PDB file of all heavy atoms in Angstrom:
ATOM      1  N   TYR A   1       3.082  -1.768  -4.810  1.00  0.00           N
ATOM      2  CA  TYR A   1       1.891  -1.963  -3.974  1.00  0.00           C
ATOM      3  C   TYR A   1       2.056  -1.351  -2.585  1.00  0.00           C
ATOM      4  O   TYR A   1       1.094  -1.295  -1.812  1.00  0.00           O
ATOM      5  CB  TYR A   1       1.556  -3.457  -3.863  1.00  0.00           C
ATOM      6  CG  TYR A   1       2.638  -4.310  -3.257  1.00  0.00           C
ATOM      7  CD1 TYR A   1       2.679  -4.553  -1.890  1.00  0.00           C
ATOM      8  CD2 TYR A   1       3.626  -4.885  -4.045  1.00  0.00           C
ATOM      9  CE1 TYR A   1       3.676  -5.332  -1.322  1.00  0.00           C
ATOM     10  CE2 TYR A   1       4.624  -5.672  -3.497  1.00  0.00           C
ATOM     11  CZ  TYR A   1       4.644  -5.895  -2.134  1.00  0.00           C
ATOM     12  OH  TYR A   1       5.638  -6.675  -1.589  1.00  0.00           O
ATOM     13  N   THR A   2       3.275  -0.860  -2.264  1.00  0.00           N
ATOM     14  CA  THR A   2       3.470  -0.188  -0.985  1.00  0.00           C
ATOM     15  C   THR A   2       3.174   1.318  -1.052  1.00  0.00           C
ATOM     16  O   THR A   2       3.126   1.975  -0.017  1.00  0.00           O
ATOM     17  CB  THR A   2       4.915  -0.371  -0.474  1.00  0.00           C
ATOM     18  OG1 THR A   2       5.828   0.277  -1.374  1.00  0.00           O
ATOM     19  CG2 THR A   2       5.280  -1.847  -0.345  1.00  0.00           C
ATOM     20  N   TRP A   3       2.977   1.852  -2.261  1.00  0.00           N
ATOM     21  CA  TRP A   3       2.771   3.299  -2.364  1.00  0.00           C
ATOM     22  C   TRP A   3       1.928   3.749  -3.553  1.00  0.00           C
ATOM     23  O   TRP A   3       1.298   4.819  -3.501  1.00  0.00           O
ATOM     24  CB  TRP A   3       4.131   4.023  -2.456  1.00  0.00           C
ATOM     25  CG  TRP A   3       4.946   3.644  -3.658  1.00  0.00           C
ATOM     26  CD1 TRP A   3       5.842   2.608  -3.739  1.00  0.00           C
ATOM     27  CD2 TRP A   3       4.941   4.252  -4.961  1.00  0.00           C
ATOM     28  NE1 TRP A   3       6.402   2.540  -4.994  1.00  0.00           N
ATOM     29  CE2 TRP A   3       5.871   3.539  -5.766  1.00  0.00           C
ATOM     30  CE3 TRP A   3       4.256   5.323  -5.514  1.00  0.00           C
ATOM     31  CZ2 TRP A   3       6.122   3.876  -7.092  1.00  0.00           C
ATOM     32  CZ3 TRP A   3       4.495   5.661  -6.844  1.00  0.00           C
ATOM     33  CH2 TRP A   3       5.429   4.930  -7.615  1.00  0.00           C
ATOM     34  N   HIS A   4       1.857   2.980  -4.629  1.00  0.00           N
ATOM     35  CA  HIS A   4       1.194   3.455  -5.844  1.00  0.00           C
ATOM     36  C   HIS A   4      -0.295   3.112  -5.805  1.00  0.00           C
ATOM     37  O   HIS A   4      -0.779   2.269  -6.557  1.00  0.00           O
ATOM     38  CB  HIS A   4       1.865   2.851  -7.080  1.00  0.00           C
ATOM     39  CG  HIS A   4       1.620   3.643  -8.328  1.00  0.00           C
ATOM     40  ND1 HIS A   4       1.448   3.074  -9.562  1.00  0.00           N
ATOM     41  CD2 HIS A   4       1.517   4.989  -8.536  1.00  0.00           C
ATOM     42  CE1 HIS A   4       1.266   4.013 -10.468  1.00  0.00           C
ATOM     43  NE2 HIS A   4       1.299   5.184  -9.866  1.00  0.00           N
ATOM     44  N   PHE A   5      -0.997   3.817  -4.927  1.00  0.00           N
ATOM     45  CA  PHE A   5      -2.408   3.544  -4.707  1.00  0.00           C
ATOM     46  C   PHE A   5      -3.277   4.300  -5.711  1.00  0.00           C
ATOM     47  O   PHE A   5      -2.795   5.144  -6.470  1.00  0.00           O
ATOM     48  CB  PHE A   5      -2.783   3.900  -3.269  1.00  0.00           C
ATOM     49  CG  PHE A   5      -1.960   3.155  -2.247  1.00  0.00           C
ATOM     50  CD1 PHE A   5      -1.177   3.833  -1.327  1.00  0.00           C
ATOM     51  CD2 PHE A   5      -1.957   1.763  -2.227  1.00  0.00           C
ATOM     52  CE1 PHE A   5      -0.417   3.150  -0.398  1.00  0.00           C
ATOM     53  CE2 PHE A   5      -1.193   1.067  -1.297  1.00  0.00           C
ATOM     54  CZ  PHE A   5      -0.414   1.759  -0.380  1.00  0.00           C
ATOM     55  N   ASP A   6      -4.552   3.992  -5.703  1.00  0.00           N
ATOM     56  CA  ASP A   6      -5.462   4.521  -6.720  1.00  0.00           C
ATOM     57  C   ASP A   6      -5.503   6.042  -6.756  1.00  0.00           C
ATOM     58  O   ASP A   6      -5.797   6.628  -7.790  1.00  0.00           O
ATOM     59  CB  ASP A   6      -6.880   3.969  -6.485  1.00  0.00           C
ATOM     60  CG  ASP A   6      -6.978   2.482  -6.801  1.00  0.00           C
ATOM     61  OD1 ASP A   6      -6.104   1.967  -7.533  1.00  0.00           O
ATOM     62  OD2 ASP A   6      -7.920   1.840  -6.308  1.00  0.00           O
ATOM     63  N   ASP A   7      -5.192   6.706  -5.646  1.00  0.00           N
ATOM     64  CA  ASP A   7      -5.228   8.172  -5.607  1.00  0.00           C
ATOM     65  C   ASP A   7      -3.849   8.800  -5.820  1.00  0.00           C
ATOM     66  O   ASP A   7      -3.676  10.000  -5.642  1.00  0.00           O
ATOM     67  CB  ASP A   7      -5.827   8.646  -4.279  1.00  0.00           C
ATOM     68  CG  ASP A   7      -5.065   8.110  -3.068  1.00  0.00           C
ATOM     69  OD1 ASP A   7      -4.208   7.217  -3.245  1.00  0.00           O
ATOM     70  OD2 ASP A   7      -5.337   8.572  -1.949  1.00  0.00           O
ATOM     71  N   ASP A   8      -2.869   8.007  -6.200  1.00  0.00           N
ATOM     72  CA  ASP A   8      -1.498   8.488  -6.363  1.00  0.00           C
ATOM     73  C   ASP A   8      -1.209   8.665  -7.851  1.00  0.00           C
ATOM     74  O   ASP A   8      -1.210   7.699  -8.612  1.00  0.00           O
ATOM     75  CB  ASP A   8      -0.521   7.485  -5.745  1.00  0.00           C
ATOM     76  CG  ASP A   8       0.886   8.061  -5.574  1.00  0.00           C
ATOM     77  OD1 ASP A   8       1.314   8.867  -6.432  1.00  0.00           O
ATOM     78  OD2 ASP A   8       1.548   7.712  -4.586  1.00  0.00           O
ATOM     79  N   GLU A   9      -0.940   9.904  -8.261  1.00  0.00           N
ATOM     80  CA  GLU A   9      -0.715  10.198  -9.674  1.00  0.00           C
ATOM     81  C   GLU A   9       0.760  10.164 -10.069  1.00  0.00           C
ATOM     82  O   GLU A   9       1.098  10.438 -11.226  1.00  0.00           O
ATOM     83  CB  GLU A   9      -1.311  11.566 -10.010  1.00  0.00           C
ATOM     84  CG  GLU A   9      -2.833  11.613  -9.836  1.00  0.00           C
ATOM     85  CD  GLU A   9      -3.421  12.949 -10.218  1.00  0.00           C
ATOM     86  OE1 GLU A   9      -2.636  13.879 -10.536  1.00  0.00           O
ATOM     87  OE2 GLU A   9      -4.664  13.083 -10.185  1.00  0.00           O
ATOM     88  N   ARG A  10       1.640   9.816  -9.134  1.00  0.00           N
ATOM     89  CA  ARG A  10       3.052   9.689  -9.485  1.00  0.00           C
ATOM     90  C   ARG A  10       3.227   8.521 -10.462  1.00  0.00           C
ATOM     91  O   ARG A  10       2.546   7.504 -10.345  1.00  0.00           O
ATOM     92  CB  ARG A  10       3.890   9.476  -8.225  1.00  0.00           C
ATOM     93  CG  ARG A  10       3.887  10.681  -7.292  1.00  0.00           C
ATOM     94  CD  ARG A  10       4.672  10.408  -6.019  1.00  0.00           C
ATOM     95  NE  ARG A  10       4.045   9.370  -5.199  1.00  0.00           N
ATOM     96  CZ  ARG A  10       4.570   8.890  -4.061  1.00  0.00           C
ATOM     97  NH1 ARG A  10       5.737   9.362  -3.639  1.00  0.00           N
ATOM     98  NH2 ARG A  10       3.936   7.960  -3.385  1.00  0.00           N
ATOM     99  N   PRO A  11       4.123   8.645 -11.430  1.00  0.00           N
ATOM    100  CA  PRO A  11       4.211   7.628 -12.487  1.00  0.00           C
ATOM    101  C   PRO A  11       4.909   6.350 -12.030  1.00  0.00           C
ATOM    102  O   PRO A  11       5.807   6.369 -11.186  1.00  0.00           O
ATOM    103  CB  PRO A  11       5.014   8.324 -13.586  1.00  0.00           C
ATOM    104  CG  PRO A  11       5.866   9.314 -12.844  1.00  0.00           C
ATOM    105  CD  PRO A  11       5.028   9.790 -11.699  1.00  0.00           C
ATOM    106  N   HIS A  12       4.496   5.248 -12.635  1.00  0.00           N
ATOM    107  CA  HIS A  12       5.197   3.974 -12.526  1.00  0.00           C
ATOM    108  C   HIS A  12       5.084   3.300 -13.880  1.00  0.00           C
ATOM    109  O   HIS A  12       4.044   3.389 -14.543  1.00  0.00           O
ATOM    110  CB  HIS A  12       4.595   3.092 -11.430  1.00  0.00           C
ATOM    111  CG  HIS A  12       5.389   1.844 -11.175  1.00  0.00           C
ATOM    112  ND1 HIS A  12       5.155   0.659 -11.847  1.00  0.00           N
ATOM    113  CD2 HIS A  12       6.432   1.607 -10.341  1.00  0.00           C
ATOM    114  CE1 HIS A  12       6.022  -0.258 -11.423  1.00  0.00           C
ATOM    115  NE2 HIS A  12       6.799   0.285 -10.515  1.00  0.00           N
ATOM    116  N   ARG A  13       6.132   2.623 -14.313  1.00  0.00           N
ATOM    117  CA  ARG A  13       6.165   2.117 -15.679  1.00  0.00           C
ATOM    118  C   ARG A  13       5.084   1.080 -15.969  1.00  0.00           C
ATOM    119  O   ARG A  13       4.683   0.911 -17.122  1.00  0.00           O
ATOM    120  CB  ARG A  13       7.540   1.529 -15.993  1.00  0.00           C
ATOM    121  CG  ARG A  13       7.898   0.275 -15.217  1.00  0.00           C
ATOM    122  CD  ARG A  13       9.295  -0.180 -15.563  1.00  0.00           C
ATOM    123  NE  ARG A  13       9.704  -1.333 -14.797  1.00  0.00           N
ATOM    124  CZ  ARG A  13      10.953  -1.790 -14.754  1.00  0.00           C
ATOM    125  NH1 ARG A  13      11.899  -1.167 -15.449  1.00  0.00           N
ATOM    126  NH2 ARG A  13      11.264  -2.837 -14.039  1.00  0.00           N
ATOM    127  N   ASP A  14       4.608   0.362 -14.945  1.00  0.00           N
ATOM    128  CA  ASP A  14       3.565  -0.639 -15.182  1.00  0.00           C
ATOM    129  C   ASP A  14       2.196  -0.009 -15.420  1.00  0.00           C
ATOM    130  O   ASP A  14       1.305  -0.665 -15.966  1.00  0.00           O
ATOM    131  CB  ASP A  14       3.469  -1.609 -14.001  1.00  0.00           C
ATOM    132  CG  ASP A  14       4.686  -2.504 -13.899  1.00  0.00           C
ATOM    133  OD1 ASP A  14       5.444  -2.575 -14.891  1.00  0.00           O
ATOM    134  OD2 ASP A  14       4.893  -3.120 -12.842  1.00  0.00           O
ATOM    135  N   GLY A  15       2.028   1.243 -14.990  1.00  0.00           N
ATOM    136  CA  GLY A  15       0.749   1.904 -15.154  1.00  0.00           C
ATOM    137  C   GLY A  15      -0.366   1.326 -14.296  1.00  0.00           C
ATOM    138  O   GLY A  15      -1.544   1.576 -14.543  1.00  0.00           O
ATOM    139  N   VAL A  16       0.001   0.544 -13.285  1.00  0.00           N
ATOM    140  CA  VAL A  16      -0.978  -0.115 -12.416  1.00  0.00           C
ATOM    141  C   VAL A  16      -1.031   0.621 -11.083  1.00  0.00           C
ATOM    142  O   VAL A  16       0.004   0.989 -10.523  1.00  0.00           O
ATOM    143  CB  VAL A  16      -0.597  -1.590 -12.179  1.00  0.00           C
ATOM    144  CG1 VAL A  16      -1.544  -2.245 -11.185  1.00  0.00           C
ATOM    145  CG2 VAL A  16      -0.585  -2.355 -13.491  1.00  0.00           C
ATOM    146  N   THR A  17      -2.227   0.853 -10.577  1.00  0.00           N
ATOM    147  CA  THR A  17      -2.383   1.367  -9.225  1.00  0.00           C
ATOM    148  C   THR A  17      -3.076   0.301  -8.377  1.00  0.00           C
ATOM    149  O   THR A  17      -3.706  -0.618  -8.900  1.00  0.00           O
ATOM    150  CB  THR A  17      -3.185   2.678  -9.189  1.00  0.00           C
ATOM    151  OG1 THR A  17      -4.469   2.466  -9.797  1.00  0.00           O
ATOM    152  CG2 THR A  17      -2.443   3.782  -9.928  1.00  0.00           C
ATOM    153  N   TYR A  18      -2.970   0.456  -7.064  1.00  0.00           N
ATOM    154  CA  TYR A  18      -3.428  -0.563  -6.129  1.00  0.00           C
ATOM    155  C   TYR A  18      -4.444   0.018  -5.155  1.00  0.00           C
ATOM    156  O   TYR A  18      -4.336   1.178  -4.740  1.00  0.00           O
ATOM    157  CB  TYR A  18      -2.239  -1.138  -5.347  1.00  0.00           C
ATOM    158  CG  TYR A  18      -1.252  -1.846  -6.238  1.00  0.00           C
ATOM    159  CD1 TYR A  18      -0.275  -1.126  -6.934  1.00  0.00           C
ATOM    160  CD2 TYR A  18      -1.290  -3.222  -6.404  1.00  0.00           C
ATOM    161  CE1 TYR A  18       0.625  -1.764  -7.772  1.00  0.00           C
ATOM    162  CE2 TYR A  18      -0.389  -3.872  -7.241  1.00  0.00           C
ATOM    163  CZ  TYR A  18       0.561  -3.131  -7.918  1.00  0.00           C
ATOM    164  OH  TYR A  18       1.454  -3.766  -8.748  1.00  0.00           O
ATOM    165  N   ASP A  19      -5.405  -0.805  -4.811  1.00  0.00           N
ATOM    166  CA  ASP A  19      -6.388  -0.405  -3.817  1.00  0.00           C
ATOM    167  C   ASP A  19      -5.707  -0.311  -2.454  1.00  0.00           C
ATOM    168  O   ASP A  19      -5.127  -1.291  -1.977  1.00  0.00           O
ATOM    169  CB  ASP A  19      -7.520  -1.428  -3.775  1.00  0.00           C
ATOM    170  CG  ASP A  19      -8.563  -1.078  -2.732  1.00  0.00           C
ATOM    171  OD1 ASP A  19      -9.316  -0.117  -2.944  1.00  0.00           O
ATOM    172  OD2 ASP A  19      -8.583  -1.758  -1.671  1.00  0.00           O
ATOM    173  N   ARG A  20      -5.791   0.846  -1.838  1.00  0.00           N
ATOM    174  CA  ARG A  20      -5.082   1.070  -0.577  1.00  0.00           C
ATOM    175  C   ARG A  20      -5.566   0.106   0.512  1.00  0.00           C
ATOM    176  O   ARG A  20      -4.766  -0.506   1.233  1.00  0.00           O
ATOM    177  CB  ARG A  20      -5.272   2.516  -0.118  1.00  0.00           C
ATOM    178  CG  ARG A  20      -4.478   2.871   1.139  1.00  0.00           C
ATOM    179  CD  ARG A  20      -4.813   4.285   1.590  1.00  0.00           C
ATOM    180  NE  ARG A  20      -4.430   5.282   0.620  1.00  0.00           N
ATOM    181  CZ  ARG A  20      -3.238   5.890   0.604  1.00  0.00           C
ATOM    182  NH1 ARG A  20      -2.315   5.569   1.488  1.00  0.00           N
ATOM    183  NH2 ARG A  20      -2.973   6.804  -0.309  1.00  0.00           N
ATOM    184  N   LYS A  21      -6.860  -0.048   0.634  1.00  0.00           N
ATOM    185  CA  LYS A  21      -7.407  -0.886   1.705  1.00  0.00           C
ATOM    186  C   LYS A  21      -6.957  -2.330   1.570  1.00  0.00           C
ATOM    187  O   LYS A  21      -6.679  -3.014   2.567  1.00  0.00           O
ATOM    188  CB  LYS A  21      -8.930  -0.801   1.691  1.00  0.00           C
ATOM    189  CG  LYS A  21      -9.595  -1.523   2.846  1.00  0.00           C
ATOM    190  CD  LYS A  21     -11.096  -1.311   2.841  1.00  0.00           C
ATOM    191  CE  LYS A  21     -11.745  -2.021   4.017  1.00  0.00           C
ATOM    192  NZ  LYS A  21     -13.229  -1.814   4.022  1.00  0.00           N
ATOM    193  N   ALA A  22      -6.848  -2.825   0.344  1.00  0.00           N
ATOM    194  CA  ALA A  22      -6.475  -4.223   0.124  1.00  0.00           C
ATOM    195  C   ALA A  22      -4.980  -4.455   0.274  1.00  0.00           C
ATOM    196  O   ALA A  22      -4.540  -5.609   0.437  1.00  0.00           O
ATOM    197  CB  ALA A  22      -6.923  -4.660  -1.260  1.00  0.00           C
ATOM    198  N   ASN A  23      -4.174  -3.380   0.233  1.00  0.00           N
ATOM    199  CA  ASN A  23      -2.720  -3.539   0.230  1.00  0.00           C
ATOM    200  C   ASN A  23      -2.034  -2.924   1.445  1.00  0.00           C
ATOM    201  O   ASN A  23      -0.804  -2.872   1.491  1.00  0.00           O
ATOM    202  CB  ASN A  23      -2.143  -2.943  -1.057  1.00  0.00           C
ATOM    203  CG  ASN A  23      -2.457  -3.794  -2.265  1.00  0.00           C
ATOM    204  OD1 ASN A  23      -1.752  -4.755  -2.545  1.00  0.00           O
ATOM    205  ND2 ASN A  23      -3.528  -3.452  -2.972  1.00  0.00           N
ATOM    206  N   GLN A  24      -2.828  -2.476   2.403  1.00  0.00           N
ATOM    207  CA  GLN A  24      -2.288  -1.990   3.660  1.00  0.00           C
ATOM    208  C   GLN A  24      -3.006  -2.681   4.811  1.00  0.00           C
ATOM    209  O   GLN A  24      -4.210  -2.934   4.741  1.00  0.00           O
ATOM    210  CB  GLN A  24      -2.481  -0.477   3.825  1.00  0.00           C
ATOM    211  CG  GLN A  24      -1.559   0.380   2.989  1.00  0.00           C
ATOM    212  CD  GLN A  24      -1.733   1.857   3.294  1.00  0.00           C
ATOM    213  OE1 GLN A  24      -2.769   2.321   3.750  1.00  0.00           O
ATOM    214  NE2 GLN A  24      -0.692   2.632   3.008  1.00  0.00           N
ATOM    215  N   VAL A  25      -2.242  -2.972   5.857  1.00  0.00           N
ATOM    216  CA  VAL A  25      -2.831  -3.546   7.058  1.00  0.00           C
ATOM    217  C   VAL A  25      -2.162  -2.891   8.264  1.00  0.00           C
ATOM    218  O   VAL A  25      -0.967  -2.609   8.244  1.00  0.00           O
ATOM    219  CB  VAL A  25      -2.674  -5.086   7.086  1.00  0.00           C
ATOM    220  CG1 VAL A  25      -1.218  -5.496   7.102  1.00  0.00           C
ATOM    221  CG2 VAL A  25      -3.418  -5.687   8.269  1.00  0.00           C
ATOM    222  N   THR A  26      -2.953  -2.614   9.283  1.00  0.00           N
ATOM    223  CA  THR A  26      -2.441  -1.997  10.504  1.00  0.00           C
ATOM    224  C   THR A  26      -2.237  -3.062  11.568  1.00  0.00           C
ATOM    225  O   THR A  26      -3.098  -3.929  11.766  1.00  0.00           O
ATOM    226  CB  THR A  26      -3.418  -0.921  11.005  1.00  0.00           C
ATOM    227  OG1 THR A  26      -3.570   0.078   9.991  1.00  0.00           O
ATOM    228  CG2 THR A  26      -2.893  -0.258  12.274  1.00  0.00           C
ATOM    229  N   LEU A  27      -1.113  -2.987  12.234  1.00  0.00           N
ATOM    230  CA  LEU A  27      -0.776  -3.973  13.252  1.00  0.00           C
ATOM    231  C   LEU A  27      -0.099  -3.256  14.411  1.00  0.00           C
ATOM    232  O   LEU A  27       0.730  -2.374  14.200  1.00  0.00           O
ATOM    233  CB  LEU A  27       0.173  -5.021  12.651  1.00  0.00           C
ATOM    234  CG  LEU A  27       0.472  -6.285  13.447  1.00  0.00           C
ATOM    235  CD1 LEU A  27      -0.790  -7.111  13.674  1.00  0.00           C
ATOM    236  CD2 LEU A  27       1.517  -7.125  12.711  1.00  0.00           C
ATOM    237  N   SER A  28      -0.458  -3.643  15.626  1.00  0.00           N
ATOM    238  CA  SER A  28       0.180  -3.029  16.786  1.00  0.00           C
ATOM    239  C   SER A  28       1.667  -3.361  16.793  1.00  0.00           C
ATOM    240  O   SER A  28       2.102  -4.393  16.259  1.00  0.00           O
ATOM    241  CB  SER A  28      -0.466  -3.519  18.080  1.00  0.00           C
ATOM    242  OG  SER A  28      -0.131  -4.877  18.321  1.00  0.00           O
ATOM    243  N   THR A  29       2.468  -2.501  17.397  1.00  0.00           N
ATOM    244  CA  THR A  29       3.904  -2.746  17.468  1.00  0.00           C
ATOM    245  C   THR A  29       4.191  -4.031  18.238  1.00  0.00           C
ATOM    246  O   THR A  29       5.096  -4.792  17.873  1.00  0.00           O
ATOM    247  CB  THR A  29       4.619  -1.568  18.124  1.00  0.00           C
ATOM    248  OG1 THR A  29       4.047  -1.312  19.410  1.00  0.00           O
ATOM    249  CG2 THR A  29       4.494  -0.317  17.268  1.00  0.00           C
ATOM    250  N   GLU A  30       3.427  -4.286  19.273  1.00  0.00           N
ATOM    251  CA  GLU A  30       3.620  -5.516  20.043  1.00  0.00           C
ATOM    252  C   GLU A  30       3.228  -6.740  19.218  1.00  0.00           C
ATOM    253  O   GLU A  30       3.910  -7.777  19.252  1.00  0.00           O
ATOM    254  CB  GLU A  30       2.789  -5.467  21.323  1.00  0.00           C
ATOM    255  CG  GLU A  30       3.048  -6.618  22.267  1.00  0.00           C
ATOM    256  CD  GLU A  30       2.336  -6.462  23.589  1.00  0.00           C
ATOM    257  OE1 GLU A  30       1.586  -5.471  23.753  1.00  0.00           O
ATOM    258  OE2 GLU A  30       2.528  -7.321  24.477  1.00  0.00           O
ATOM    259  N   GLY A  31       2.139  -6.615  18.443  1.00  0.00           N
ATOM    260  CA  GLY A  31       1.724  -7.723  17.580  1.00  0.00           C
ATOM    261  C   GLY A  31       2.744  -8.013  16.494  1.00  0.00           C
ATOM    262  O   GLY A  31       3.022  -9.176  16.184  1.00  0.00           O
ATOM    263  N   ALA A  32       3.317  -6.961  15.910  1.00  0.00           N
ATOM    264  CA  ALA A  32       4.347  -7.152  14.884  1.00  0.00           C
ATOM    265  C   ALA A  32       5.570  -7.831  15.480  1.00  0.00           C
ATOM    266  O   ALA A  32       6.139  -8.753  14.885  1.00  0.00           O
ATOM    267  CB  ALA A  32       4.731  -5.809  14.269  1.00  0.00           C
ATOM    268  N   ALA A  33       5.966  -7.400  16.670  1.00  0.00           N
ATOM    269  CA  ALA A  33       7.120  -8.013  17.327  1.00  0.00           C
ATOM    270  C   ALA A  33       6.877  -9.486  17.612  1.00  0.00           C
ATOM    271  O   ALA A  33       7.782 -10.319  17.472  1.00  0.00           O
ATOM    272  CB  ALA A  33       7.445  -7.264  18.617  1.00  0.00           C
ATOM    273  N   ALA A  34       5.670  -9.825  18.006  1.00  0.00           N
ATOM    274  CA  ALA A  34       5.347 -11.221  18.298  1.00  0.00           C
ATOM    275  C   ALA A  34       5.444 -12.081  17.038  1.00  0.00           C
ATOM    276  O   ALA A  34       5.948 -13.213  17.071  1.00  0.00           O
ATOM    277  CB  ALA A  34       3.952 -11.316  18.908  1.00  0.00           C
TER     278      ALA A  34
END
């Protein structure tokens, strides 16, 4: 779920891809540190 998104054709044995928007979140460096 960190890389095998719906537009990624690289193989994975599960054959499952993940929605990028639902599995990525952006956070400021200061917010992450907090």
